[in-house]
Amino acid sequence: MRVAILGCGYVGASLAREAVDAGWDVWALTRNAKRLEELDVLPKERRIAADLQGDDWHEQLTGDFDVVWNLVSSAGGGLAGYEVSYIEGNRSIRRWAACRKVL
């Protein structure tokens, strides 16, 4: 299984470790660079530090995936933070997914 975890905070990081233990090919994206350092079970090229709402990460998360999990949390700052994370983030995911096969 080749999986992408978008949002590797507490829940996403735990899922990443479990998936690696199961032998899956795991890719992780988070805006928290420190969290990525803690995901040392993944090769560096599979740990992506980026804001989900932008498109800069699209070229780093390449190939096709069996599963994609969106586990982001609010970017903070009240309603504006929710809009950034959940509306703009999902729009970016849709643009990214349109260019690849997600089973």
PDB file of N, CA and C in Angstrom:
ATOM      1  N   MET A   1       0.833  -1.178   0.000  1.00  0.00           N
ATOM      2  CA  MET A   1       0.000   0.000   0.000  1.00  0.00           C
ATOM      3  C   MET A   1       0.881   1.246   0.000  1.00  0.00           C
ATOM      4  N   ARG A   2       0.535   2.185  -0.840  1.00  0.00           N
ATOM      5  CA  ARG A   2       1.218   3.480  -0.879  1.00  0.00           C
ATOM      6  C   ARG A   2       0.226   4.521  -0.386  1.00  0.00           C
ATOM      7  N   VAL A   3       0.571   5.195   0.722  1.00  0.00           N
ATOM      8  CA  VAL A   3      -0.365   6.113   1.354  1.00  0.00           C
ATOM      9  C   VAL A   3       0.254   7.479   1.577  1.00  0.00           C
ATOM     10  N   ALA A   4      -0.614   8.494   1.571  1.00  0.00           N
ATOM     11  CA  ALA A   4      -0.206   9.864   1.892  1.00  0.00           C
ATOM     12  C   ALA A   4      -1.020  10.320   3.089  1.00  0.00           C
ATOM     13  N   ILE A   5      -0.335  10.929   4.040  1.00  0.00           N
ATOM     14  CA  ILE A   5      -1.001  11.487   5.215  1.00  0.00           C
ATOM     15  C   ILE A   5      -0.786  12.991   5.177  1.00  0.00           C
ATOM     16  N   LEU A   6      -1.862  13.722   4.972  1.00  0.00           N
ATOM     17  CA  LEU A   6      -1.817  15.177   4.903  1.00  0.00           C
ATOM     18  C   LEU A   6      -2.259  15.712   6.258  1.00  0.00           C
ATOM     19  N   GLY A   7      -1.305  16.205   7.011  1.00  0.00           N
ATOM     20  CA  GLY A   7      -1.558  16.623   8.377  1.00  0.00           C
ATOM     21  C   GLY A   7      -0.993  15.587   9.323  1.00  0.00           C
ATOM     22  N   CYS A   8       0.250  15.778   9.729  1.00  0.00           N
ATOM     23  CA  CYS A   8       0.907  14.795  10.596  1.00  0.00           C
ATOM     24  C   CYS A   8       1.172  15.387  11.964  1.00  0.00           C
ATOM     25  N   GLY A   9       0.114  15.823  12.596  1.00  0.00           N
ATOM     26  CA  GLY A   9       0.202  16.199  13.995  1.00  0.00           C
ATOM     27  C   GLY A   9       0.172  14.940  14.837  1.00  0.00           C
ATOM     28  N   TYR A  10      -0.462  15.013  15.971  1.00  0.00           N
ATOM     29  CA  TYR A  10      -0.496  13.877  16.892  1.00  0.00           C
ATOM     30  C   TYR A  10      -1.118  12.635  16.240  1.00  0.00           C
ATOM     31  N   VAL A  11      -2.301  12.781  15.657  1.00  0.00           N
ATOM     32  CA  VAL A  11      -2.996  11.630  15.064  1.00  0.00           C
ATOM     33  C   VAL A  11      -2.273  11.141  13.812  1.00  0.00           C
ATOM     34  N   GLY A  12      -1.921  12.061  12.920  1.00  0.00           N
ATOM     35  CA  GLY A  12      -1.260  11.684  11.674  1.00  0.00           C
ATOM     36  C   GLY A  12       0.080  11.009  11.893  1.00  0.00           C
ATOM     37  N   ALA A  13       0.843  11.499  12.866  1.00  0.00           N
ATOM     38  CA  ALA A  13       2.145  10.892  13.169  1.00  0.00           C
ATOM     39  C   ALA A  13       1.975   9.470  13.700  1.00  0.00           C
ATOM     40  N   SER A  14       0.979   9.266  14.547  1.00  0.00           N
ATOM     41  CA  SER A  14       0.715   7.912  15.057  1.00  0.00           C
ATOM     42  C   SER A  14       0.303   6.980  13.921  1.00  0.00           C
ATOM     43  N   LEU A  15      -0.556   7.470  13.036  1.00  0.00           N
ATOM     44  CA  LEU A  15      -0.973   6.678  11.887  1.00  0.00           C
ATOM     45  C   LEU A  15       0.223   6.348  10.996  1.00  0.00           C
ATOM     46  N   ALA A  16       1.107   7.313  10.783  1.00  0.00           N
ATOM     47  CA  ALA A  16       2.287   7.079   9.952  1.00  0.00           C
ATOM     48  C   ALA A  16       3.145   5.958  10.523  1.00  0.00           C
ATOM     49  N   ARG A  17       3.369   5.979  11.817  1.00  0.00           N
ATOM     50  CA  ARG A  17       4.183   4.932  12.446  1.00  0.00           C
ATOM     51  C   ARG A  17       3.534   3.556  12.314  1.00  0.00           C
ATOM     52  N   GLU A  18       2.236   3.497  12.537  1.00  0.00           N
ATOM     53  CA  GLU A  18       1.512   2.225  12.409  1.00  0.00           C
ATOM     54  C   GLU A  18       1.570   1.704  10.975  1.00  0.00           C
ATOM     55  N   ALA A  19       1.405   2.609  10.011  1.00  0.00           N
ATOM     56  CA  ALA A  19       1.429   2.208   8.604  1.00  0.00           C
ATOM     57  C   ALA A  19       2.813   1.713   8.195  1.00  0.00           C
ATOM     58  N   VAL A  20       3.859   2.365   8.668  1.00  0.00           N
ATOM     59  CA  VAL A  20       5.224   1.898   8.390  1.00  0.00           C
ATOM     60  C   VAL A  20       5.435   0.521   8.993  1.00  0.00           C
ATOM     61  N   ASP A  21       4.969   0.326  10.219  1.00  0.00           N
ATOM     62  CA  ASP A  21       5.096  -0.989  10.873  1.00  0.00           C
ATOM     63  C   ASP A  21       4.369  -2.079  10.087  1.00  0.00           C
ATOM     64  N   ALA A  22       3.298  -1.691   9.388  1.00  0.00           N
ATOM     65  CA  ALA A  22       2.537  -2.648   8.578  1.00  0.00           C
ATOM     66  C   ALA A  22       3.193  -2.898   7.219  1.00  0.00           C
ATOM     67  N   GLY A  23       4.291  -2.177   6.945  1.00  0.00           N
ATOM     68  CA  GLY A  23       5.010  -2.373   5.691  1.00  0.00           C
ATOM     69  C   GLY A  23       4.529  -1.498   4.546  1.00  0.00           C
ATOM     70  N   TRP A  24       3.745  -0.479   4.858  1.00  0.00           N
ATOM     71  CA  TRP A  24       3.238   0.404   3.810  1.00  0.00           C
ATOM     72  C   TRP A  24       4.262   1.462   3.446  1.00  0.00           C
ATOM     73  N   ASP A  25       4.163   1.950   2.221  1.00  0.00           N
ATOM     74  CA  ASP A  25       4.981   3.053   1.711  1.00  0.00           C
ATOM     75  C   ASP A  25       4.271   4.347   2.093  1.00  0.00           C
ATOM     76  N   VAL A  26       4.798   5.054   3.088  1.00  0.00           N
ATOM     77  CA  VAL A  26       4.120   6.206   3.675  1.00  0.00           C
ATOM     78  C   VAL A  26       4.814   7.510   3.296  1.00  0.00           C
ATOM     79  N   TRP A  27       4.002   8.488   2.902  1.00  0.00           N
ATOM     80  CA  TRP A  27       4.437   9.861   2.634  1.00  0.00           C
ATOM     81  C   TRP A  27       3.675  10.760   3.590  1.00  0.00           C
ATOM     82  N   ALA A  28       4.328  11.760   4.161  1.00  0.00           N
ATOM     83  CA  ALA A  28       3.696  12.610   5.166  1.00  0.00           C
ATOM     84  C   ALA A  28       3.914  14.081   4.853  1.00  0.00           C
ATOM     85  N   LEU A  29       2.860  14.866   5.049  1.00  0.00           N
ATOM     86  CA  LEU A  29       2.936  16.316   4.866  1.00  0.00           C
ATOM     87  C   LEU A  29       2.417  16.991   6.129  1.00  0.00           C
ATOM     88  N   THR A  30       3.156  17.978   6.609  1.00  0.00           N
ATOM     89  CA  THR A  30       2.722  18.794   7.740  1.00  0.00           C
ATOM     90  C   THR A  30       3.349  20.171   7.628  1.00  0.00           C
ATOM     91  N   ARG A  31       2.691  21.157   8.214  1.00  0.00           N
ATOM     92  CA  ARG A  31       3.280  22.499   8.223  1.00  0.00           C
ATOM     93  C   ARG A  31       4.287  22.647   9.348  1.00  0.00           C
ATOM     94  N   ASN A  32       4.343  21.674  10.248  1.00  0.00           N
ATOM     95  CA  ASN A  32       5.211  21.710  11.419  1.00  0.00           C
ATOM     96  C   ASN A  32       6.514  20.957  11.132  1.00  0.00           C
ATOM     97  N   ALA A  33       7.558  21.699  10.803  1.00  0.00           N
ATOM     98  CA  ALA A  33       8.845  21.082  10.455  1.00  0.00           C
ATOM     99  C   ALA A  33       9.409  20.254  11.614  1.00  0.00           C
ATOM    100  N   LYS A  34       9.159  20.673  12.843  1.00  0.00           N
ATOM    101  CA  LYS A  34       9.650  19.908  13.991  1.00  0.00           C
ATOM    102  C   LYS A  34       8.995  18.532  14.046  1.00  0.00           C
ATOM    103  N   ARG A  35       7.715  18.476  13.732  1.00  0.00           N
ATOM    104  CA  ARG A  35       6.991  17.194  13.725  1.00  0.00           C
ATOM    105  C   ARG A  35       7.614  16.254  12.691  1.00  0.00           C
ATOM    106  N   LEU A  36       8.032  16.798  11.555  1.00  0.00           N
ATOM    107  CA  LEU A  36       8.654  15.952  10.521  1.00  0.00           C
ATOM    108  C   LEU A  36       9.943  15.318  11.021  1.00  0.00           C
ATOM    109  N   GLU A  37      10.714  16.062  11.787  1.00  0.00           N
ATOM    110  CA  GLU A  37      11.954  15.504  12.336  1.00  0.00           C
ATOM    111  C   GLU A  37      11.657  14.307  13.232  1.00  0.00           C
ATOM    112  N   GLU A  38      10.519  14.338  13.923  1.00  0.00           N
ATOM    113  CA  GLU A  38      10.135  13.243  14.805  1.00  0.00           C
ATOM    114  C   GLU A  38       9.682  12.002  14.022  1.00  0.00           C
ATOM    115  N   LEU A  39       9.360  12.178  12.744  1.00  0.00           N
ATOM    116  CA  LEU A  39       8.920  11.053  11.914  1.00  0.00           C
ATOM    117  C   LEU A  39      10.128  10.383  11.248  1.00  0.00           C
ATOM    118  N   ASP A  40      11.108  10.045  12.058  1.00  0.00           N
ATOM    119  CA  ASP A  40      12.337   9.469  11.524  1.00  0.00           C
ATOM    120  C   ASP A  40      12.158   8.046  11.007  1.00  0.00           C
ATOM    121  N   VAL A  41      10.958   7.486  11.127  1.00  0.00           N
ATOM    122  CA  VAL A  41      10.678   6.179  10.523  1.00  0.00           C
ATOM    123  C   VAL A  41      10.502   6.316   9.009  1.00  0.00           C
ATOM    124  N   LEU A  42      10.388   7.558   8.520  1.00  0.00           N
ATOM    125  CA  LEU A  42      10.238   7.808   7.084  1.00  0.00           C
ATOM    126  C   LEU A  42      11.514   8.389   6.509  1.00  0.00           C
ATOM    127  N   PRO A  43      11.878   8.000   5.290  1.00  0.00           N
ATOM    128  CA  PRO A  43      13.010   8.652   4.625  1.00  0.00           C
ATOM    129  C   PRO A  43      12.717  10.146   4.451  1.00  0.00           C
ATOM    130  N   LYS A  44      13.755  10.958   4.463  1.00  0.00           N
ATOM    131  CA  LYS A  44      13.576  12.418   4.373  1.00  0.00           C
ATOM    132  C   LYS A  44      12.770  12.855   3.159  1.00  0.00           C
ATOM    133  N   GLU A  45      12.942  12.195   2.012  1.00  0.00           N
ATOM    134  CA  GLU A  45      12.211  12.604   0.811  1.00  0.00           C
ATOM    135  C   GLU A  45      10.713  12.334   0.915  1.00  0.00           C
ATOM    136  N   ARG A  46      10.307  11.558   1.912  1.00  0.00           N
ATOM    137  CA  ARG A  46       8.881  11.277   2.109  1.00  0.00           C
ATOM    138  C   ARG A  46       8.269  12.141   3.210  1.00  0.00           C
ATOM    139  N   ARG A  47       9.044  13.055   3.757  1.00  0.00           N
ATOM    140  CA  ARG A  47       8.569  13.992   4.784  1.00  0.00           C
ATOM    141  C   ARG A  47       8.534  15.384   4.176  1.00  0.00           C
ATOM    142  N   ILE A  48       7.355  15.930   4.020  1.00  0.00           N
ATOM    143  CA  ILE A  48       7.178  17.198   3.322  1.00  0.00           C
ATOM    144  C   ILE A  48       6.660  18.258   4.285  1.00  0.00           C
ATOM    145  N   ALA A  49       7.391  19.360   4.406  1.00  0.00           N
ATOM    146  CA  ALA A  49       6.958  20.497   5.221  1.00  0.00           C
ATOM    147  C   ALA A  49       6.334  21.524   4.285  1.00  0.00           C
ATOM    148  N   ALA A  50       5.032  21.738   4.441  1.00  0.00           N
ATOM    149  CA  ALA A  50       4.330  22.685   3.567  1.00  0.00           C
ATOM    150  C   ALA A  50       2.977  23.030   4.158  1.00  0.00           C
ATOM    151  N   ASP A  51       2.447  24.166   3.726  1.00  0.00           N
ATOM    152  CA  ASP A  51       1.073  24.539   4.055  1.00  0.00           C
ATOM    153  C   ASP A  51       0.162  23.913   3.017  1.00  0.00           C
ATOM    154  N   LEU A  52      -0.810  23.177   3.465  1.00  0.00           N
ATOM    155  CA  LEU A  52      -1.688  22.426   2.570  1.00  0.00           C
ATOM    156  C   LEU A  52      -2.445  23.323   1.596  1.00  0.00           C
ATOM    157  N   GLN A  53      -2.815  24.528   2.010  1.00  0.00           N
ATOM    158  CA  GLN A  53      -3.650  25.371   1.160  1.00  0.00           C
ATOM    159  C   GLN A  53      -2.912  25.887  -0.075  1.00  0.00           C
ATOM    160  N   GLY A  54      -1.607  25.868  -0.074  1.00  0.00           N
ATOM    161  CA  GLY A  54      -0.847  26.273  -1.255  1.00  0.00           C
ATOM    162  C   GLY A  54      -0.643  25.089  -2.186  1.00  0.00           C
ATOM    163  N   ASP A  55      -0.033  25.344  -3.323  1.00  0.00           N
ATOM    164  CA  ASP A  55       0.219  24.273  -4.282  1.00  0.00           C
ATOM    165  C   ASP A  55       1.693  23.876  -4.361  1.00  0.00           C
ATOM    166  N   ASP A  56       2.537  24.485  -3.548  1.00  0.00           N
ATOM    167  CA  ASP A  56       3.973  24.196  -3.609  1.00  0.00           C
ATOM    168  C   ASP A  56       4.290  22.734  -3.323  1.00  0.00           C
ATOM    169  N   TRP A  57       3.501  22.083  -2.519  1.00  0.00           N
ATOM    170  CA  TRP A  57       3.759  20.691  -2.130  1.00  0.00           C
ATOM    171  C   TRP A  57       3.403  19.702  -3.225  1.00  0.00           C
ATOM    172  N   HIS A  58       2.618  20.113  -4.203  1.00  0.00           N
ATOM    173  CA  HIS A  58       2.137  19.190  -5.240  1.00  0.00           C
ATOM    174  C   HIS A  58       3.284  18.471  -5.955  1.00  0.00           C
ATOM    175  N   GLU A  59       4.346  19.171  -6.241  1.00  0.00           N
ATOM    176  CA  GLU A  59       5.478  18.567  -6.956  1.00  0.00           C
ATOM    177  C   GLU A  59       6.308  17.660  -6.063  1.00  0.00           C
ATOM    178  N   GLN A  60       6.156  17.765  -4.761  1.00  0.00           N
ATOM    179  CA  GLN A  60       6.915  16.918  -3.836  1.00  0.00           C
ATOM    180  C   GLN A  60       6.199  15.606  -3.544  1.00  0.00           C
ATOM    181  N   LEU A  61       4.897  15.615  -3.624  1.00  0.00           N
ATOM    182  CA  LEU A  61       4.095  14.422  -3.339  1.00  0.00           C
ATOM    183  C   LEU A  61       3.642  13.839  -4.674  1.00  0.00           C
ATOM    184  N   THR A  62       4.530  13.045  -5.273  1.00  0.00           N
ATOM    185  CA  THR A  62       4.318  12.566  -6.639  1.00  0.00           C
ATOM    186  C   THR A  62       3.903  11.107  -6.666  1.00  0.00           C
ATOM    187  N   GLY A  63       3.408  10.711  -7.799  1.00  0.00           N
ATOM    188  CA  GLY A  63       3.013   9.319  -7.987  1.00  0.00           C
ATOM    189  C   GLY A  63       1.560   9.098  -7.615  1.00  0.00           C
ATOM    190  N   ASP A  64       1.159   7.840  -7.660  1.00  0.00           N
ATOM    191  CA  ASP A  64      -0.207   7.449  -7.353  1.00  0.00           C
ATOM    192  C   ASP A  64      -0.267   6.863  -5.945  1.00  0.00           C
ATOM    193  N   PHE A  65      -1.439   6.929  -5.330  1.00  0.00           N
ATOM    194  CA  PHE A  65      -1.610   6.477  -3.955  1.00  0.00           C
ATOM    195  C   PHE A  65      -2.835   5.590  -3.836  1.00  0.00           C
ATOM    196  N   ASP A  66      -2.733   4.593  -2.970  1.00  0.00           N
ATOM    197  CA  ASP A  66      -3.869   3.740  -2.665  1.00  0.00           C
ATOM    198  C   ASP A  66      -4.826   4.437  -1.703  1.00  0.00           C
ATOM    199  N   VAL A  67      -4.262   5.192  -0.766  1.00  0.00           N
ATOM    200  CA  VAL A  67      -5.057   5.885   0.246  1.00  0.00           C
ATOM    201  C   VAL A  67      -4.440   7.255   0.516  1.00  0.00           C
ATOM    202  N   VAL A  68      -5.303   8.257   0.678  1.00  0.00           N
ATOM    203  CA  VAL A  68      -4.869   9.592   1.098  1.00  0.00           C
ATOM    204  C   VAL A  68      -5.747  10.010   2.274  1.00  0.00           C
ATOM    205  N   TRP A  69      -5.112  10.332   3.399  1.00  0.00           N
ATOM    206  CA  TRP A  69      -5.837  10.810   4.569  1.00  0.00           C
ATOM    207  C   TRP A  69      -5.581  12.301   4.741  1.00  0.00           C
ATOM    208  N   ASN A  70      -6.631  13.074   4.943  1.00  0.00           N
ATOM    209  CA  ASN A  70      -6.529  14.487   5.268  1.00  0.00           C
ATOM    210  C   ASN A  70      -6.817  14.620   6.754  1.00  0.00           C
ATOM    211  N   LEU A  71      -5.775  14.838   7.553  1.00  0.00           N
ATOM    212  CA  LEU A  71      -5.906  14.913   9.004  1.00  0.00           C
ATOM    213  C   LEU A  71      -5.438  16.262   9.549  1.00  0.00           C
ATOM    214  N   VAL A  72      -5.550  17.305   8.733  1.00  0.00           N
ATOM    215  CA  VAL A  72      -5.069  18.619   9.161  1.00  0.00           C
ATOM    216  C   VAL A  72      -5.942  19.167  10.284  1.00  0.00           C
ATOM    217  N   SER A  73      -5.352  20.053  11.050  1.00  0.00           N
ATOM    218  CA  SER A  73      -6.101  20.790  12.065  1.00  0.00           C
ATOM    219  C   SER A  73      -6.205  22.237  11.603  1.00  0.00           C
ATOM    220  N   SER A  74      -6.957  23.005  12.332  1.00  0.00           N
ATOM    221  CA  SER A  74      -7.127  24.416  11.984  1.00  0.00           C
ATOM    222  C   SER A  74      -5.785  25.136  12.018  1.00  0.00           C
ATOM    223  N   ALA A  75      -5.618  26.080  11.115  1.00  0.00           N
ATOM    224  CA  ALA A  75      -4.394  26.880  11.088  1.00  0.00           C
ATOM    225  C   ALA A  75      -4.384  27.918  12.211  1.00  0.00           C
ATOM    226  N   GLY A  76      -5.431  27.953  13.032  1.00  0.00           N
ATOM    227  CA  GLY A  76      -5.511  28.917  14.129  1.00  0.00           C
ATOM    228  C   GLY A  76      -6.076  30.247  13.650  1.00  0.00           C
ATOM    229  N   GLY A  77      -6.319  31.139  14.575  1.00  0.00           N
ATOM    230  CA  GLY A  77      -6.810  32.456  14.196  1.00  0.00           C
ATOM    231  C   GLY A  77      -8.310  32.515  13.961  1.00  0.00           C
ATOM    232  N   GLY A  78      -9.062  31.642  14.617  1.00  0.00           N
ATOM    233  CA  GLY A  78     -10.510  31.690  14.505  1.00  0.00           C
ATOM    234  C   GLY A  78     -11.031  31.207  13.164  1.00  0.00           C
ATOM    235  N   LEU A  79     -12.111  31.862  12.711  1.00  0.00           N
ATOM    236  CA  LEU A  79     -12.779  31.461  11.477  1.00  0.00           C
ATOM    237  C   LEU A  79     -11.835  31.484  10.276  1.00  0.00           C
ATOM    238  N   ALA A  80     -10.963  32.466  10.211  1.00  0.00           N
ATOM    239  CA  ALA A  80     -10.017  32.556   9.088  1.00  0.00           C
ATOM    240  C   ALA A  80      -9.094  31.339   9.046  1.00  0.00           C
ATOM    241  N   GLY A  81      -8.686  30.850  10.212  1.00  0.00           N
ATOM    242  CA  GLY A  81      -7.835  29.666  10.267  1.00  0.00           C
ATOM    243  C   GLY A  81      -8.542  28.419   9.773  1.00  0.00           C
ATOM    244  N   TYR A  82      -9.812  28.302  10.113  1.00  0.00           N
ATOM    245  CA  TYR A  82     -10.607  27.172   9.620  1.00  0.00           C
ATOM    246  C   TYR A  82     -10.754  27.240   8.104  1.00  0.00           C
ATOM    247  N   GLU A  83     -10.973  28.435   7.583  1.00  0.00           N
ATOM    248  CA  GLU A  83     -11.116  28.592   6.136  1.00  0.00           C
ATOM    249  C   GLU A  83      -9.830  28.186   5.414  1.00  0.00           C
ATOM    250  N   VAL A  84      -8.702  28.616   5.942  1.00  0.00           N
ATOM    251  CA  VAL A  84      -7.407  28.263   5.340  1.00  0.00           C
ATOM    252  C   VAL A  84      -7.215  26.750   5.334  1.00  0.00           C
ATOM    253  N   SER A  85      -7.426  26.128   6.480  1.00  0.00           N
ATOM    254  CA  SER A  85      -7.162  24.692   6.597  1.00  0.00           C
ATOM    255  C   SER A  85      -8.164  23.830   5.848  1.00  0.00           C
ATOM    256  N   TYR A  86      -9.436  24.094   6.061  1.00  0.00           N
ATOM    257  CA  TYR A  86     -10.461  23.172   5.595  1.00  0.00           C
ATOM    258  C   TYR A  86     -11.031  23.511   4.225  1.00  0.00           C
ATOM    259  N   ILE A  87     -11.129  24.763   3.887  1.00  0.00           N
ATOM    260  CA  ILE A  87     -11.656  25.108   2.562  1.00  0.00           C
ATOM    261  C   ILE A  87     -10.527  25.201   1.550  1.00  0.00           C
ATOM    262  N   GLU A  88      -9.562  26.074   1.811  1.00  0.00           N
ATOM    263  CA  GLU A  88      -8.457  26.227   0.858  1.00  0.00           C
ATOM    264  C   GLU A  88      -7.595  24.972   0.796  1.00  0.00           C
ATOM    265  N   GLY A  89      -7.404  24.305   1.924  1.00  0.00           N
ATOM    266  CA  GLY A  89      -6.639  23.061   1.941  1.00  0.00           C
ATOM    267  C   GLY A  89      -7.284  21.983   1.087  1.00  0.00           C
ATOM    268  N   ASN A  90      -8.594  21.824   1.207  1.00  0.00           N
ATOM    269  CA  ASN A  90      -9.286  20.820   0.397  1.00  0.00           C
ATOM    270  C   ASN A  90      -9.321  21.197  -1.078  1.00  0.00           C
ATOM    271  N   ARG A  91      -9.368  22.458  -1.385  1.00  0.00           N
ATOM    272  CA  ARG A  91      -9.280  22.877  -2.794  1.00  0.00           C
ATOM    273  C   ARG A  91      -7.929  22.502  -3.383  1.00  0.00           C
ATOM    274  N   SER A  92      -6.882  22.696  -2.595  1.00  0.00           N
ATOM    275  CA  SER A  92      -5.542  22.331  -3.055  1.00  0.00           C
ATOM    276  C   SER A  92      -5.427  20.818  -3.247  1.00  0.00           C
ATOM    277  N   ILE A  93      -6.004  20.049  -2.320  1.00  0.00           N
ATOM    278  CA  ILE A  93      -5.983  18.592  -2.452  1.00  0.00           C
ATOM    279  C   ILE A  93      -6.706  18.166  -3.729  1.00  0.00           C
ATOM    280  N   ARG A  94      -7.815  18.785  -4.033  1.00  0.00           N
ATOM    281  CA  ARG A  94      -8.557  18.449  -5.258  1.00  0.00           C
ATOM    282  C   ARG A  94      -7.726  18.749  -6.505  1.00  0.00           C
ATOM    283  N   ARG A  95      -7.008  19.872  -6.521  1.00  0.00           N
ATOM    284  CA  ARG A  95      -6.146  20.191  -7.672  1.00  0.00           C
ATOM    285  C   ARG A  95      -5.032  19.158  -7.794  1.00  0.00           C
ATOM    286  N   TRP A  96      -4.450  18.764  -6.663  1.00  0.00           N
ATOM    287  CA  TRP A  96      -3.374  17.772  -6.658  1.00  0.00           C
ATOM    288  C   TRP A  96      -3.901  16.421  -7.118  1.00  0.00           C
ATOM    289  N   ALA A  97      -5.049  15.987  -6.588  1.00  0.00           N
ATOM    290  CA  ALA A  97      -5.590  14.676  -6.913  1.00  0.00           C
ATOM    291  C   ALA A  97      -6.021  14.567  -8.373  1.00  0.00           C
ATOM    292  N   ALA A  98      -6.407  15.669  -8.976  1.00  0.00           N
ATOM    293  CA  ALA A  98      -6.835  15.654 -10.374  1.00  0.00           C
ATOM    294  C   ALA A  98      -5.701  15.252 -11.314  1.00  0.00           C
ATOM    295  N   CYS A  99      -4.472  15.343 -10.841  1.00  0.00           N
ATOM    296  CA  CYS A  99      -3.310  15.041 -11.674  1.00  0.00           C
ATOM    297  C   CYS A  99      -2.720  13.654 -11.411  1.00  0.00           C
ATOM    298  N   ARG A 100      -3.382  12.848 -10.591  1.00  0.00           N
ATOM    299  CA  ARG A 100      -2.851  11.512 -10.284  1.00  0.00           C
ATOM    300  C   ARG A 100      -3.975  10.536 -10.000  1.00  0.00           C
ATOM    301  N   LYS A 101      -3.571   9.315  -9.917  1.00  0.00           N
ATOM    302  CA  LYS A 101      -4.529   8.234  -9.650  1.00  0.00           C
ATOM    303  C   LYS A 101      -4.550   7.982  -8.142  1.00  0.00           C
ATOM    304  N   VAL A 102      -5.721   8.122  -7.544  1.00  0.00           N
ATOM    305  CA  VAL A 102      -5.917   7.776  -6.141  1.00  0.00           C
ATOM    306  C   VAL A 102      -6.997   6.711  -6.129  1.00  0.00           C
ATOM    307  N   LEU A 103      -6.658   5.518  -5.694  1.00  0.00           N
ATOM    308  CA  LEU A 103      -7.600   4.393  -5.723  1.00  0.00           C
ATOM    309  C   LEU A 103      -8.626   4.500  -4.616  1.00  0.00           C
TER     310      LEU A 103
END
